[in-house]
Amino acid sequence: MNQVVYVSRKGNTKKVAEFIARGLGVNPAAAGPDTKIDHAEILFVGGALYAGKIDRKLRSFLEKLTGEQADKVVVFCTSISGKNILSEVKSILEPKNIKVADEFFHCKGSFLFMEADRPNEEDLKHAEDFARAIIQI
Protein backbone atom coordinates (compact mmCIF):
# COMPACT_ATOMS: atom_id res chain seq x y z
CA MET A 1 0.00 0.00 0.00
CA ASN A 2 1.16 3.54 -0.76
CA GLN A 3 0.46 6.60 1.39
CA VAL A 4 0.69 10.38 1.14
CA VAL A 5 1.62 12.60 4.09
CA TYR A 6 2.15 16.34 3.92
CA VAL A 7 2.47 19.60 5.85
CA SER A 8 0.86 22.69 4.35
CA ARG A 9 0.60 26.12 5.94
CA LYS A 10 -1.05 28.03 3.09
CA GLY A 11 -2.75 25.17 1.22
CA ASN A 12 -0.37 24.89 -1.74
CA THR A 13 1.22 21.61 -0.66
CA LYS A 14 -2.17 20.26 0.39
CA LYS A 15 -3.47 20.76 -3.16
CA VAL A 16 -0.48 18.92 -4.60
CA ALA A 17 -0.86 16.14 -2.00
CA GLU A 18 -4.50 15.67 -2.99
CA PHE A 19 -3.58 15.15 -6.64
CA ILE A 20 -0.68 12.83 -5.83
CA ALA A 21 -3.07 10.83 -3.66
CA ARG A 22 -5.64 10.81 -6.46
CA GLY A 23 -3.02 9.34 -8.79
CA LEU A 24 -2.46 6.56 -6.23
CA GLY A 25 -6.10 6.00 -5.33
CA VAL A 26 -5.54 6.84 -1.64
CA ASN A 27 -6.42 9.65 0.76
CA PRO A 28 -3.70 12.08 1.85
CA ALA A 29 -3.03 12.78 5.54
CA ALA A 30 -1.68 15.89 7.20
CA ALA A 31 1.49 15.10 9.19
CA GLY A 32 1.04 15.49 12.91
CA PRO A 33 1.67 13.73 16.20
CA ASP A 34 -1.23 11.32 15.59
CA THR A 35 -0.49 10.53 11.93
CA LYS A 36 -0.48 6.76 11.66
CA ILE A 37 1.70 4.93 9.14
CA ASP A 38 1.34 1.17 9.54
CA HIS A 39 3.46 0.22 6.55
CA ALA A 40 3.79 1.93 3.20
CA GLU A 41 5.52 0.38 0.25
CA ILE A 42 6.02 3.94 -1.00
CA LEU A 43 5.41 6.88 1.30
CA PHE A 44 5.01 10.19 -0.52
CA VAL A 45 6.06 13.02 1.80
CA GLY A 46 5.41 16.66 1.00
CA GLY A 47 6.14 20.06 2.40
CA ALA A 48 7.45 23.47 1.55
CA LEU A 49 10.46 25.57 2.35
CA TYR A 50 10.08 28.26 4.98
CA ALA A 51 13.13 30.49 5.38
CA GLY A 52 15.10 27.80 3.54
CA LYS A 53 14.12 24.90 5.82
CA ILE A 54 11.31 22.37 6.09
CA ASP A 55 8.46 22.99 8.50
CA ARG A 56 9.10 21.79 12.07
CA LYS A 57 5.97 19.58 11.95
CA LEU A 58 7.34 17.76 8.91
CA ARG A 59 10.79 17.49 10.52
CA SER A 60 9.24 15.99 13.65
CA PHE A 61 7.21 13.50 11.59
CA LEU A 62 10.33 12.44 9.64
CA GLU A 63 12.45 12.11 12.79
CA LYS A 64 9.89 9.66 14.23
CA LEU A 65 9.49 7.65 11.01
CA THR A 66 10.99 4.15 11.08
CA GLY A 67 12.07 1.70 8.40
CA GLU A 68 9.21 -0.59 9.42
CA GLN A 69 6.76 2.14 8.40
CA ALA A 70 8.08 2.84 4.90
CA ASP A 71 10.09 0.85 2.36
CA LYS A 72 10.79 3.96 0.32
CA VAL A 73 10.04 7.68 0.60
CA VAL A 74 9.30 9.90 -2.39
CA VAL A 75 9.43 13.65 -1.81
CA PHE A 76 7.24 16.39 -3.25
CA CYS A 77 7.31 20.06 -2.42
CA THR A 78 6.13 23.54 -3.23
CA SER A 79 8.29 26.63 -3.03
CA ILE A 80 8.54 30.01 -4.65
CA SER A 81 12.20 29.39 -5.45
CA GLY A 82 13.64 26.52 -7.41
CA LYS A 83 14.97 25.01 -4.16
CA ASN A 84 13.41 21.83 -2.84
CA ILE A 85 13.37 19.80 0.36
CA LEU A 86 14.92 16.60 -0.98
CA SER A 87 18.39 16.99 0.54
CA GLU A 88 16.99 17.91 3.94
CA VAL A 89 14.64 14.90 3.94
CA LYS A 90 17.53 12.64 2.91
CA SER A 91 19.69 14.00 5.74
CA ILE A 92 17.00 12.97 8.24
CA LEU A 93 15.99 9.58 6.81
CA GLU A 94 19.07 8.04 5.21
CA PRO A 95 21.03 7.75 8.50
CA LYS A 96 18.09 5.59 9.67
CA ASN A 97 18.48 3.41 6.54
CA ILE A 98 15.20 4.62 5.06
CA LYS A 99 15.53 4.80 1.29
CA VAL A 100 14.66 8.17 -0.24
CA ALA A 101 14.11 8.22 -4.00
CA ASP A 102 16.17 10.60 -6.11
CA GLU A 103 13.05 11.37 -8.14
CA PHE A 104 10.98 14.16 -6.62
CA PHE A 105 8.19 16.51 -7.59
CA HIS A 106 8.60 20.27 -7.26
CA CYS A 107 5.87 22.79 -7.92
CA LYS A 108 6.01 26.55 -7.66
CA GLY A 109 3.81 27.73 -4.83
CA SER A 110 2.24 31.11 -4.35
CA PHE A 111 3.72 33.48 -1.81
CA LEU A 112 2.15 36.85 -1.10
CA PHE A 113 1.51 38.28 -4.57
CA MET A 114 4.13 36.16 -6.38
CA GLU A 115 2.97 33.15 -8.41
CA ALA A 116 -0.57 33.79 -7.17
CA ASP A 117 -2.02 31.26 -9.60
CA ARG A 118 0.21 28.39 -8.45
CA PRO A 119 -0.23 25.54 -8.13
CA ASN A 120 -2.42 25.72 -11.21
CA GLU A 121 -4.39 22.99 -13.01
CA GLU A 122 -1.39 22.01 -15.13
CA ASP A 123 0.84 21.71 -12.02
CA LEU A 124 -1.74 19.52 -10.32
CA LYS A 125 -2.10 17.26 -13.36
CA HIS A 126 1.70 16.88 -13.41
CA ALA A 127 1.59 15.90 -9.72
CA GLU A 128 -1.00 13.21 -10.41
CA ASP A 129 1.01 11.92 -13.40
CA PHE A 130 4.20 11.92 -11.31
CA ALA A 131 2.59 9.68 -8.68
CA ARG A 132 1.33 7.23 -11.30
CA ALA A 133 4.78 7.12 -12.93
CA ILE A 134 6.55 6.46 -9.61
CA ILE A 135 4.42 3.44 -8.75
CA GLN A 136 5.14 1.99 -12.20
CA ILE A 137 8.92 2.04 -11.62
C-alpha atoms as a PDB file:
ATOM      1  CA  MET A   1       0.000   0.000   0.000  1.00  0.00           C
ATOM      2  CA  ASN A   2       1.158   3.539  -0.762  1.00  0.00           C
ATOM      3  CA  GLN A   3       0.458   6.598   1.393  1.00  0.00           C
ATOM      4  CA  VAL A   4       0.688  10.383   1.144  1.00  0.00           C
ATOM      5  CA  VAL A   5       1.621  12.602   4.094  1.00  0.00           C
ATOM      6  CA  TYR A   6       2.153  16.345   3.924  1.00  0.00           C
ATOM      7  CA  VAL A   7       2.470  19.603   5.846  1.00  0.00           C
ATOM      8  CA  SER A   8       0.857  22.694   4.350  1.00  0.00           C
ATOM      9  CA  ARG A   9       0.603  26.123   5.943  1.00  0.00           C
ATOM     10  CA  LYS A  10      -1.047  28.033   3.087  1.00  0.00           C
ATOM     11  CA  GLY A  11      -2.752  25.170   1.219  1.00  0.00           C
ATOM     12  CA  ASN A  12      -0.372  24.890  -1.739  1.00  0.00           C
ATOM     13  CA  THR A  13       1.218  21.608  -0.662  1.00  0.00           C
ATOM     14  CA  LYS A  14      -2.174  20.257   0.392  1.00  0.00           C
ATOM     15  CA  LYS A  15      -3.472  20.765  -3.156  1.00  0.00           C
ATOM     16  CA  VAL A  16      -0.485  18.919  -4.599  1.00  0.00           C
ATOM     17  CA  ALA A  17      -0.861  16.140  -2.000  1.00  0.00           C
ATOM     18  CA  GLU A  18      -4.500  15.670  -2.986  1.00  0.00           C
ATOM     19  CA  PHE A  19      -3.577  15.154  -6.635  1.00  0.00           C
ATOM     20  CA  ILE A  20      -0.685  12.831  -5.833  1.00  0.00           C
ATOM     21  CA  ALA A  21      -3.070  10.828  -3.659  1.00  0.00           C
ATOM     22  CA  ARG A  22      -5.636  10.813  -6.463  1.00  0.00           C
ATOM     23  CA  GLY A  23      -3.019   9.335  -8.785  1.00  0.00           C
ATOM     24  CA  LEU A  24      -2.461   6.564  -6.233  1.00  0.00           C
ATOM     25  CA  GLY A  25      -6.096   6.000  -5.329  1.00  0.00           C
ATOM     26  CA  VAL A  26      -5.544   6.845  -1.641  1.00  0.00           C
ATOM     27  CA  ASN A  27      -6.424   9.655   0.764  1.00  0.00           C
ATOM     28  CA  PRO A  28      -3.705  12.085   1.849  1.00  0.00           C
ATOM     29  CA  ALA A  29      -3.027  12.781   5.538  1.00  0.00           C
ATOM     30  CA  ALA A  30      -1.677  15.885   7.200  1.00  0.00           C
ATOM     31  CA  ALA A  31       1.486  15.101   9.188  1.00  0.00           C
ATOM     32  CA  GLY A  32       1.037  15.493  12.906  1.00  0.00           C
ATOM     33  CA  PRO A  33       1.668  13.730  16.196  1.00  0.00           C
ATOM     34  CA  ASP A  34      -1.229  11.324  15.589  1.00  0.00           C
ATOM     35  CA  THR A  35      -0.494  10.529  11.934  1.00  0.00           C
ATOM     36  CA  LYS A  36      -0.481   6.764  11.661  1.00  0.00           C
ATOM     37  CA  ILE A  37       1.704   4.929   9.143  1.00  0.00           C
ATOM     38  CA  ASP A  38       1.339   1.174   9.542  1.00  0.00           C
ATOM     39  CA  HIS A  39       3.460   0.216   6.551  1.00  0.00           C
ATOM     40  CA  ALA A  40       3.794   1.935   3.201  1.00  0.00           C
ATOM     41  CA  GLU A  41       5.518   0.382   0.248  1.00  0.00           C
ATOM     42  CA  ILE A  42       6.022   3.941  -0.999  1.00  0.00           C
ATOM     43  CA  LEU A  43       5.408   6.879   1.303  1.00  0.00           C
ATOM     44  CA  PHE A  44       5.007  10.188  -0.524  1.00  0.00           C
ATOM     45  CA  VAL A  45       6.061  13.015   1.799  1.00  0.00           C
ATOM     46  CA  GLY A  46       5.409  16.659   0.998  1.00  0.00           C
ATOM     47  CA  GLY A  47       6.138  20.061   2.397  1.00  0.00           C
ATOM     48  CA  ALA A  48       7.452  23.474   1.548  1.00  0.00           C
ATOM     49  CA  LEU A  49      10.457  25.573   2.347  1.00  0.00           C
ATOM     50  CA  TYR A  50      10.077  28.262   4.976  1.00  0.00           C
ATOM     51  CA  ALA A  51      13.130  30.487   5.383  1.00  0.00           C
ATOM     52  CA  GLY A  52      15.097  27.799   3.537  1.00  0.00           C
ATOM     53  CA  LYS A  53      14.120  24.896   5.825  1.00  0.00           C
ATOM     54  CA  ILE A  54      11.305  22.373   6.092  1.00  0.00           C
ATOM     55  CA  ASP A  55       8.458  22.987   8.502  1.00  0.00           C
ATOM     56  CA  ARG A  56       9.102  21.791  12.070  1.00  0.00           C
ATOM     57  CA  LYS A  57       5.971  19.581  11.954  1.00  0.00           C
ATOM     58  CA  LEU A  58       7.338  17.764   8.913  1.00  0.00           C
ATOM     59  CA  ARG A  59      10.787  17.487  10.517  1.00  0.00           C
ATOM     60  CA  SER A  60       9.237  15.989  13.654  1.00  0.00           C
ATOM     61  CA  PHE A  61       7.215  13.504  11.589  1.00  0.00           C
ATOM     62  CA  LEU A  62      10.326  12.439   9.644  1.00  0.00           C
ATOM     63  CA  GLU A  63      12.448  12.105  12.790  1.00  0.00           C
ATOM     64  CA  LYS A  64       9.893   9.664  14.231  1.00  0.00           C
ATOM     65  CA  LEU A  65       9.492   7.649  11.013  1.00  0.00           C
ATOM     66  CA  THR A  66      10.990   4.146  11.080  1.00  0.00           C
ATOM     67  CA  GLY A  67      12.066   1.697   8.404  1.00  0.00           C
ATOM     68  CA  GLU A  68       9.206  -0.588   9.420  1.00  0.00           C
ATOM     69  CA  GLN A  69       6.756   2.139   8.396  1.00  0.00           C
ATOM     70  CA  ALA A  70       8.083   2.836   4.895  1.00  0.00           C
ATOM     71  CA  ASP A  71      10.088   0.846   2.365  1.00  0.00           C
ATOM     72  CA  LYS A  72      10.792   3.964   0.319  1.00  0.00           C
ATOM     73  CA  VAL A  73      10.036   7.676   0.603  1.00  0.00           C
ATOM     74  CA  VAL A  74       9.299   9.905  -2.385  1.00  0.00           C
ATOM     75  CA  VAL A  75       9.431  13.653  -1.807  1.00  0.00           C
ATOM     76  CA  PHE A  76       7.240  16.389  -3.249  1.00  0.00           C
ATOM     77  CA  CYS A  77       7.312  20.065  -2.421  1.00  0.00           C
ATOM     78  CA  THR A  78       6.132  23.540  -3.228  1.00  0.00           C
ATOM     79  CA  SER A  79       8.295  26.633  -3.030  1.00  0.00           C
ATOM     80  CA  ILE A  80       8.540  30.012  -4.648  1.00  0.00           C
ATOM     81  CA  SER A  81      12.198  29.386  -5.454  1.00  0.00           C
ATOM     82  CA  GLY A  82      13.639  26.516  -7.408  1.00  0.00           C
ATOM     83  CA  LYS A  83      14.970  25.014  -4.163  1.00  0.00           C
ATOM     84  CA  ASN A  84      13.406  21.835  -2.837  1.00  0.00           C
ATOM     85  CA  ILE A  85      13.369  19.800   0.355  1.00  0.00           C
ATOM     86  CA  LEU A  86      14.919  16.596  -0.980  1.00  0.00           C
ATOM     87  CA  SER A  87      18.392  16.994   0.535  1.00  0.00           C
ATOM     88  CA  GLU A  88      16.992  17.908   3.943  1.00  0.00           C
ATOM     89  CA  VAL A  89      14.635  14.903   3.936  1.00  0.00           C
ATOM     90  CA  LYS A  90      17.528  12.636   2.909  1.00  0.00           C
ATOM     91  CA  SER A  91      19.686  13.997   5.737  1.00  0.00           C
ATOM     92  CA  ILE A  92      17.003  12.968   8.236  1.00  0.00           C
ATOM     93  CA  LEU A  93      15.987   9.577   6.814  1.00  0.00           C
ATOM     94  CA  GLU A  94      19.065   8.040   5.210  1.00  0.00           C
ATOM     95  CA  PRO A  95      21.026   7.754   8.505  1.00  0.00           C
ATOM     96  CA  LYS A  96      18.092   5.587   9.672  1.00  0.00           C
ATOM     97  CA  ASN A  97      18.480   3.412   6.539  1.00  0.00           C
ATOM     98  CA  ILE A  98      15.198   4.621   5.059  1.00  0.00           C
ATOM     99  CA  LYS A  99      15.529   4.796   1.292  1.00  0.00           C
ATOM    100  CA  VAL A 100      14.662   8.170  -0.244  1.00  0.00           C
ATOM    101  CA  ALA A 101      14.115   8.222  -3.997  1.00  0.00           C
ATOM    102  CA  ASP A 102      16.175  10.596  -6.110  1.00  0.00           C
ATOM    103  CA  GLU A 103      13.049  11.372  -8.144  1.00  0.00           C
ATOM    104  CA  PHE A 104      10.977  14.159  -6.621  1.00  0.00           C
ATOM    105  CA  PHE A 105       8.190  16.509  -7.585  1.00  0.00           C
ATOM    106  CA  HIS A 106       8.599  20.271  -7.259  1.00  0.00           C
ATOM    107  CA  CYS A 107       5.872  22.787  -7.923  1.00  0.00           C
ATOM    108  CA  LYS A 108       6.006  26.547  -7.660  1.00  0.00           C
ATOM    109  CA  GLY A 109       3.813  27.730  -4.832  1.00  0.00           C
ATOM    110  CA  SER A 110       2.243  31.110  -4.352  1.00  0.00           C
ATOM    111  CA  PHE A 111       3.720  33.482  -1.808  1.00  0.00           C
ATOM    112  CA  LEU A 112       2.151  36.854  -1.096  1.00  0.00           C
ATOM    113  CA  PHE A 113       1.509  38.278  -4.572  1.00  0.00           C
ATOM    114  CA  MET A 114       4.129  36.158  -6.377  1.00  0.00           C
ATOM    115  CA  GLU A 115       2.975  33.151  -8.406  1.00  0.00           C
ATOM    116  CA  ALA A 116      -0.574  33.794  -7.168  1.00  0.00           C
ATOM    117  CA  ASP A 117      -2.024  31.260  -9.598  1.00  0.00           C
ATOM    118  CA  ARG A 118       0.209  28.388  -8.445  1.00  0.00           C
ATOM    119  CA  PRO A 119      -0.226  25.543  -8.135  1.00  0.00           C
ATOM    120  CA  ASN A 120      -2.420  25.716 -11.212  1.00  0.00           C
ATOM    121  CA  GLU A 121      -4.389  22.985 -13.012  1.00  0.00           C
ATOM    122  CA  GLU A 122      -1.392  22.005 -15.130  1.00  0.00           C
ATOM    123  CA  ASP A 123       0.838  21.708 -12.017  1.00  0.00           C
ATOM    124  CA  LEU A 124      -1.741  19.515 -10.316  1.00  0.00           C
ATOM    125  CA  LYS A 125      -2.101  17.265 -13.360  1.00  0.00           C
ATOM    126  CA  HIS A 126       1.699  16.882 -13.407  1.00  0.00           C
ATOM    127  CA  ALA A 127       1.594  15.898  -9.725  1.00  0.00           C
ATOM    128  CA  GLU A 128      -0.996  13.213 -10.408  1.00  0.00           C
ATOM    129  CA  ASP A 129       1.007  11.917 -13.397  1.00  0.00           C
ATOM    130  CA  PHE A 130       4.198  11.920 -11.307  1.00  0.00           C
ATOM    131  CA  ALA A 131       2.594   9.682  -8.677  1.00  0.00           C
ATOM    132  CA  ARG A 132       1.335   7.231 -11.296  1.00  0.00           C
ATOM    133  CA  ALA A 133       4.781   7.117 -12.934  1.00  0.00           C
ATOM    134  CA  ILE A 134       6.545   6.455  -9.607  1.00  0.00           C
ATOM    135  CA  ILE A 135       4.420   3.445  -8.749  1.00  0.00           C
ATOM    136  CA  GLN A 136       5.140   1.994 -12.204  1.00  0.00           C
ATOM    137  CA  ILE A 137       8.921   2.045 -11.619  1.00  0.00           C
END
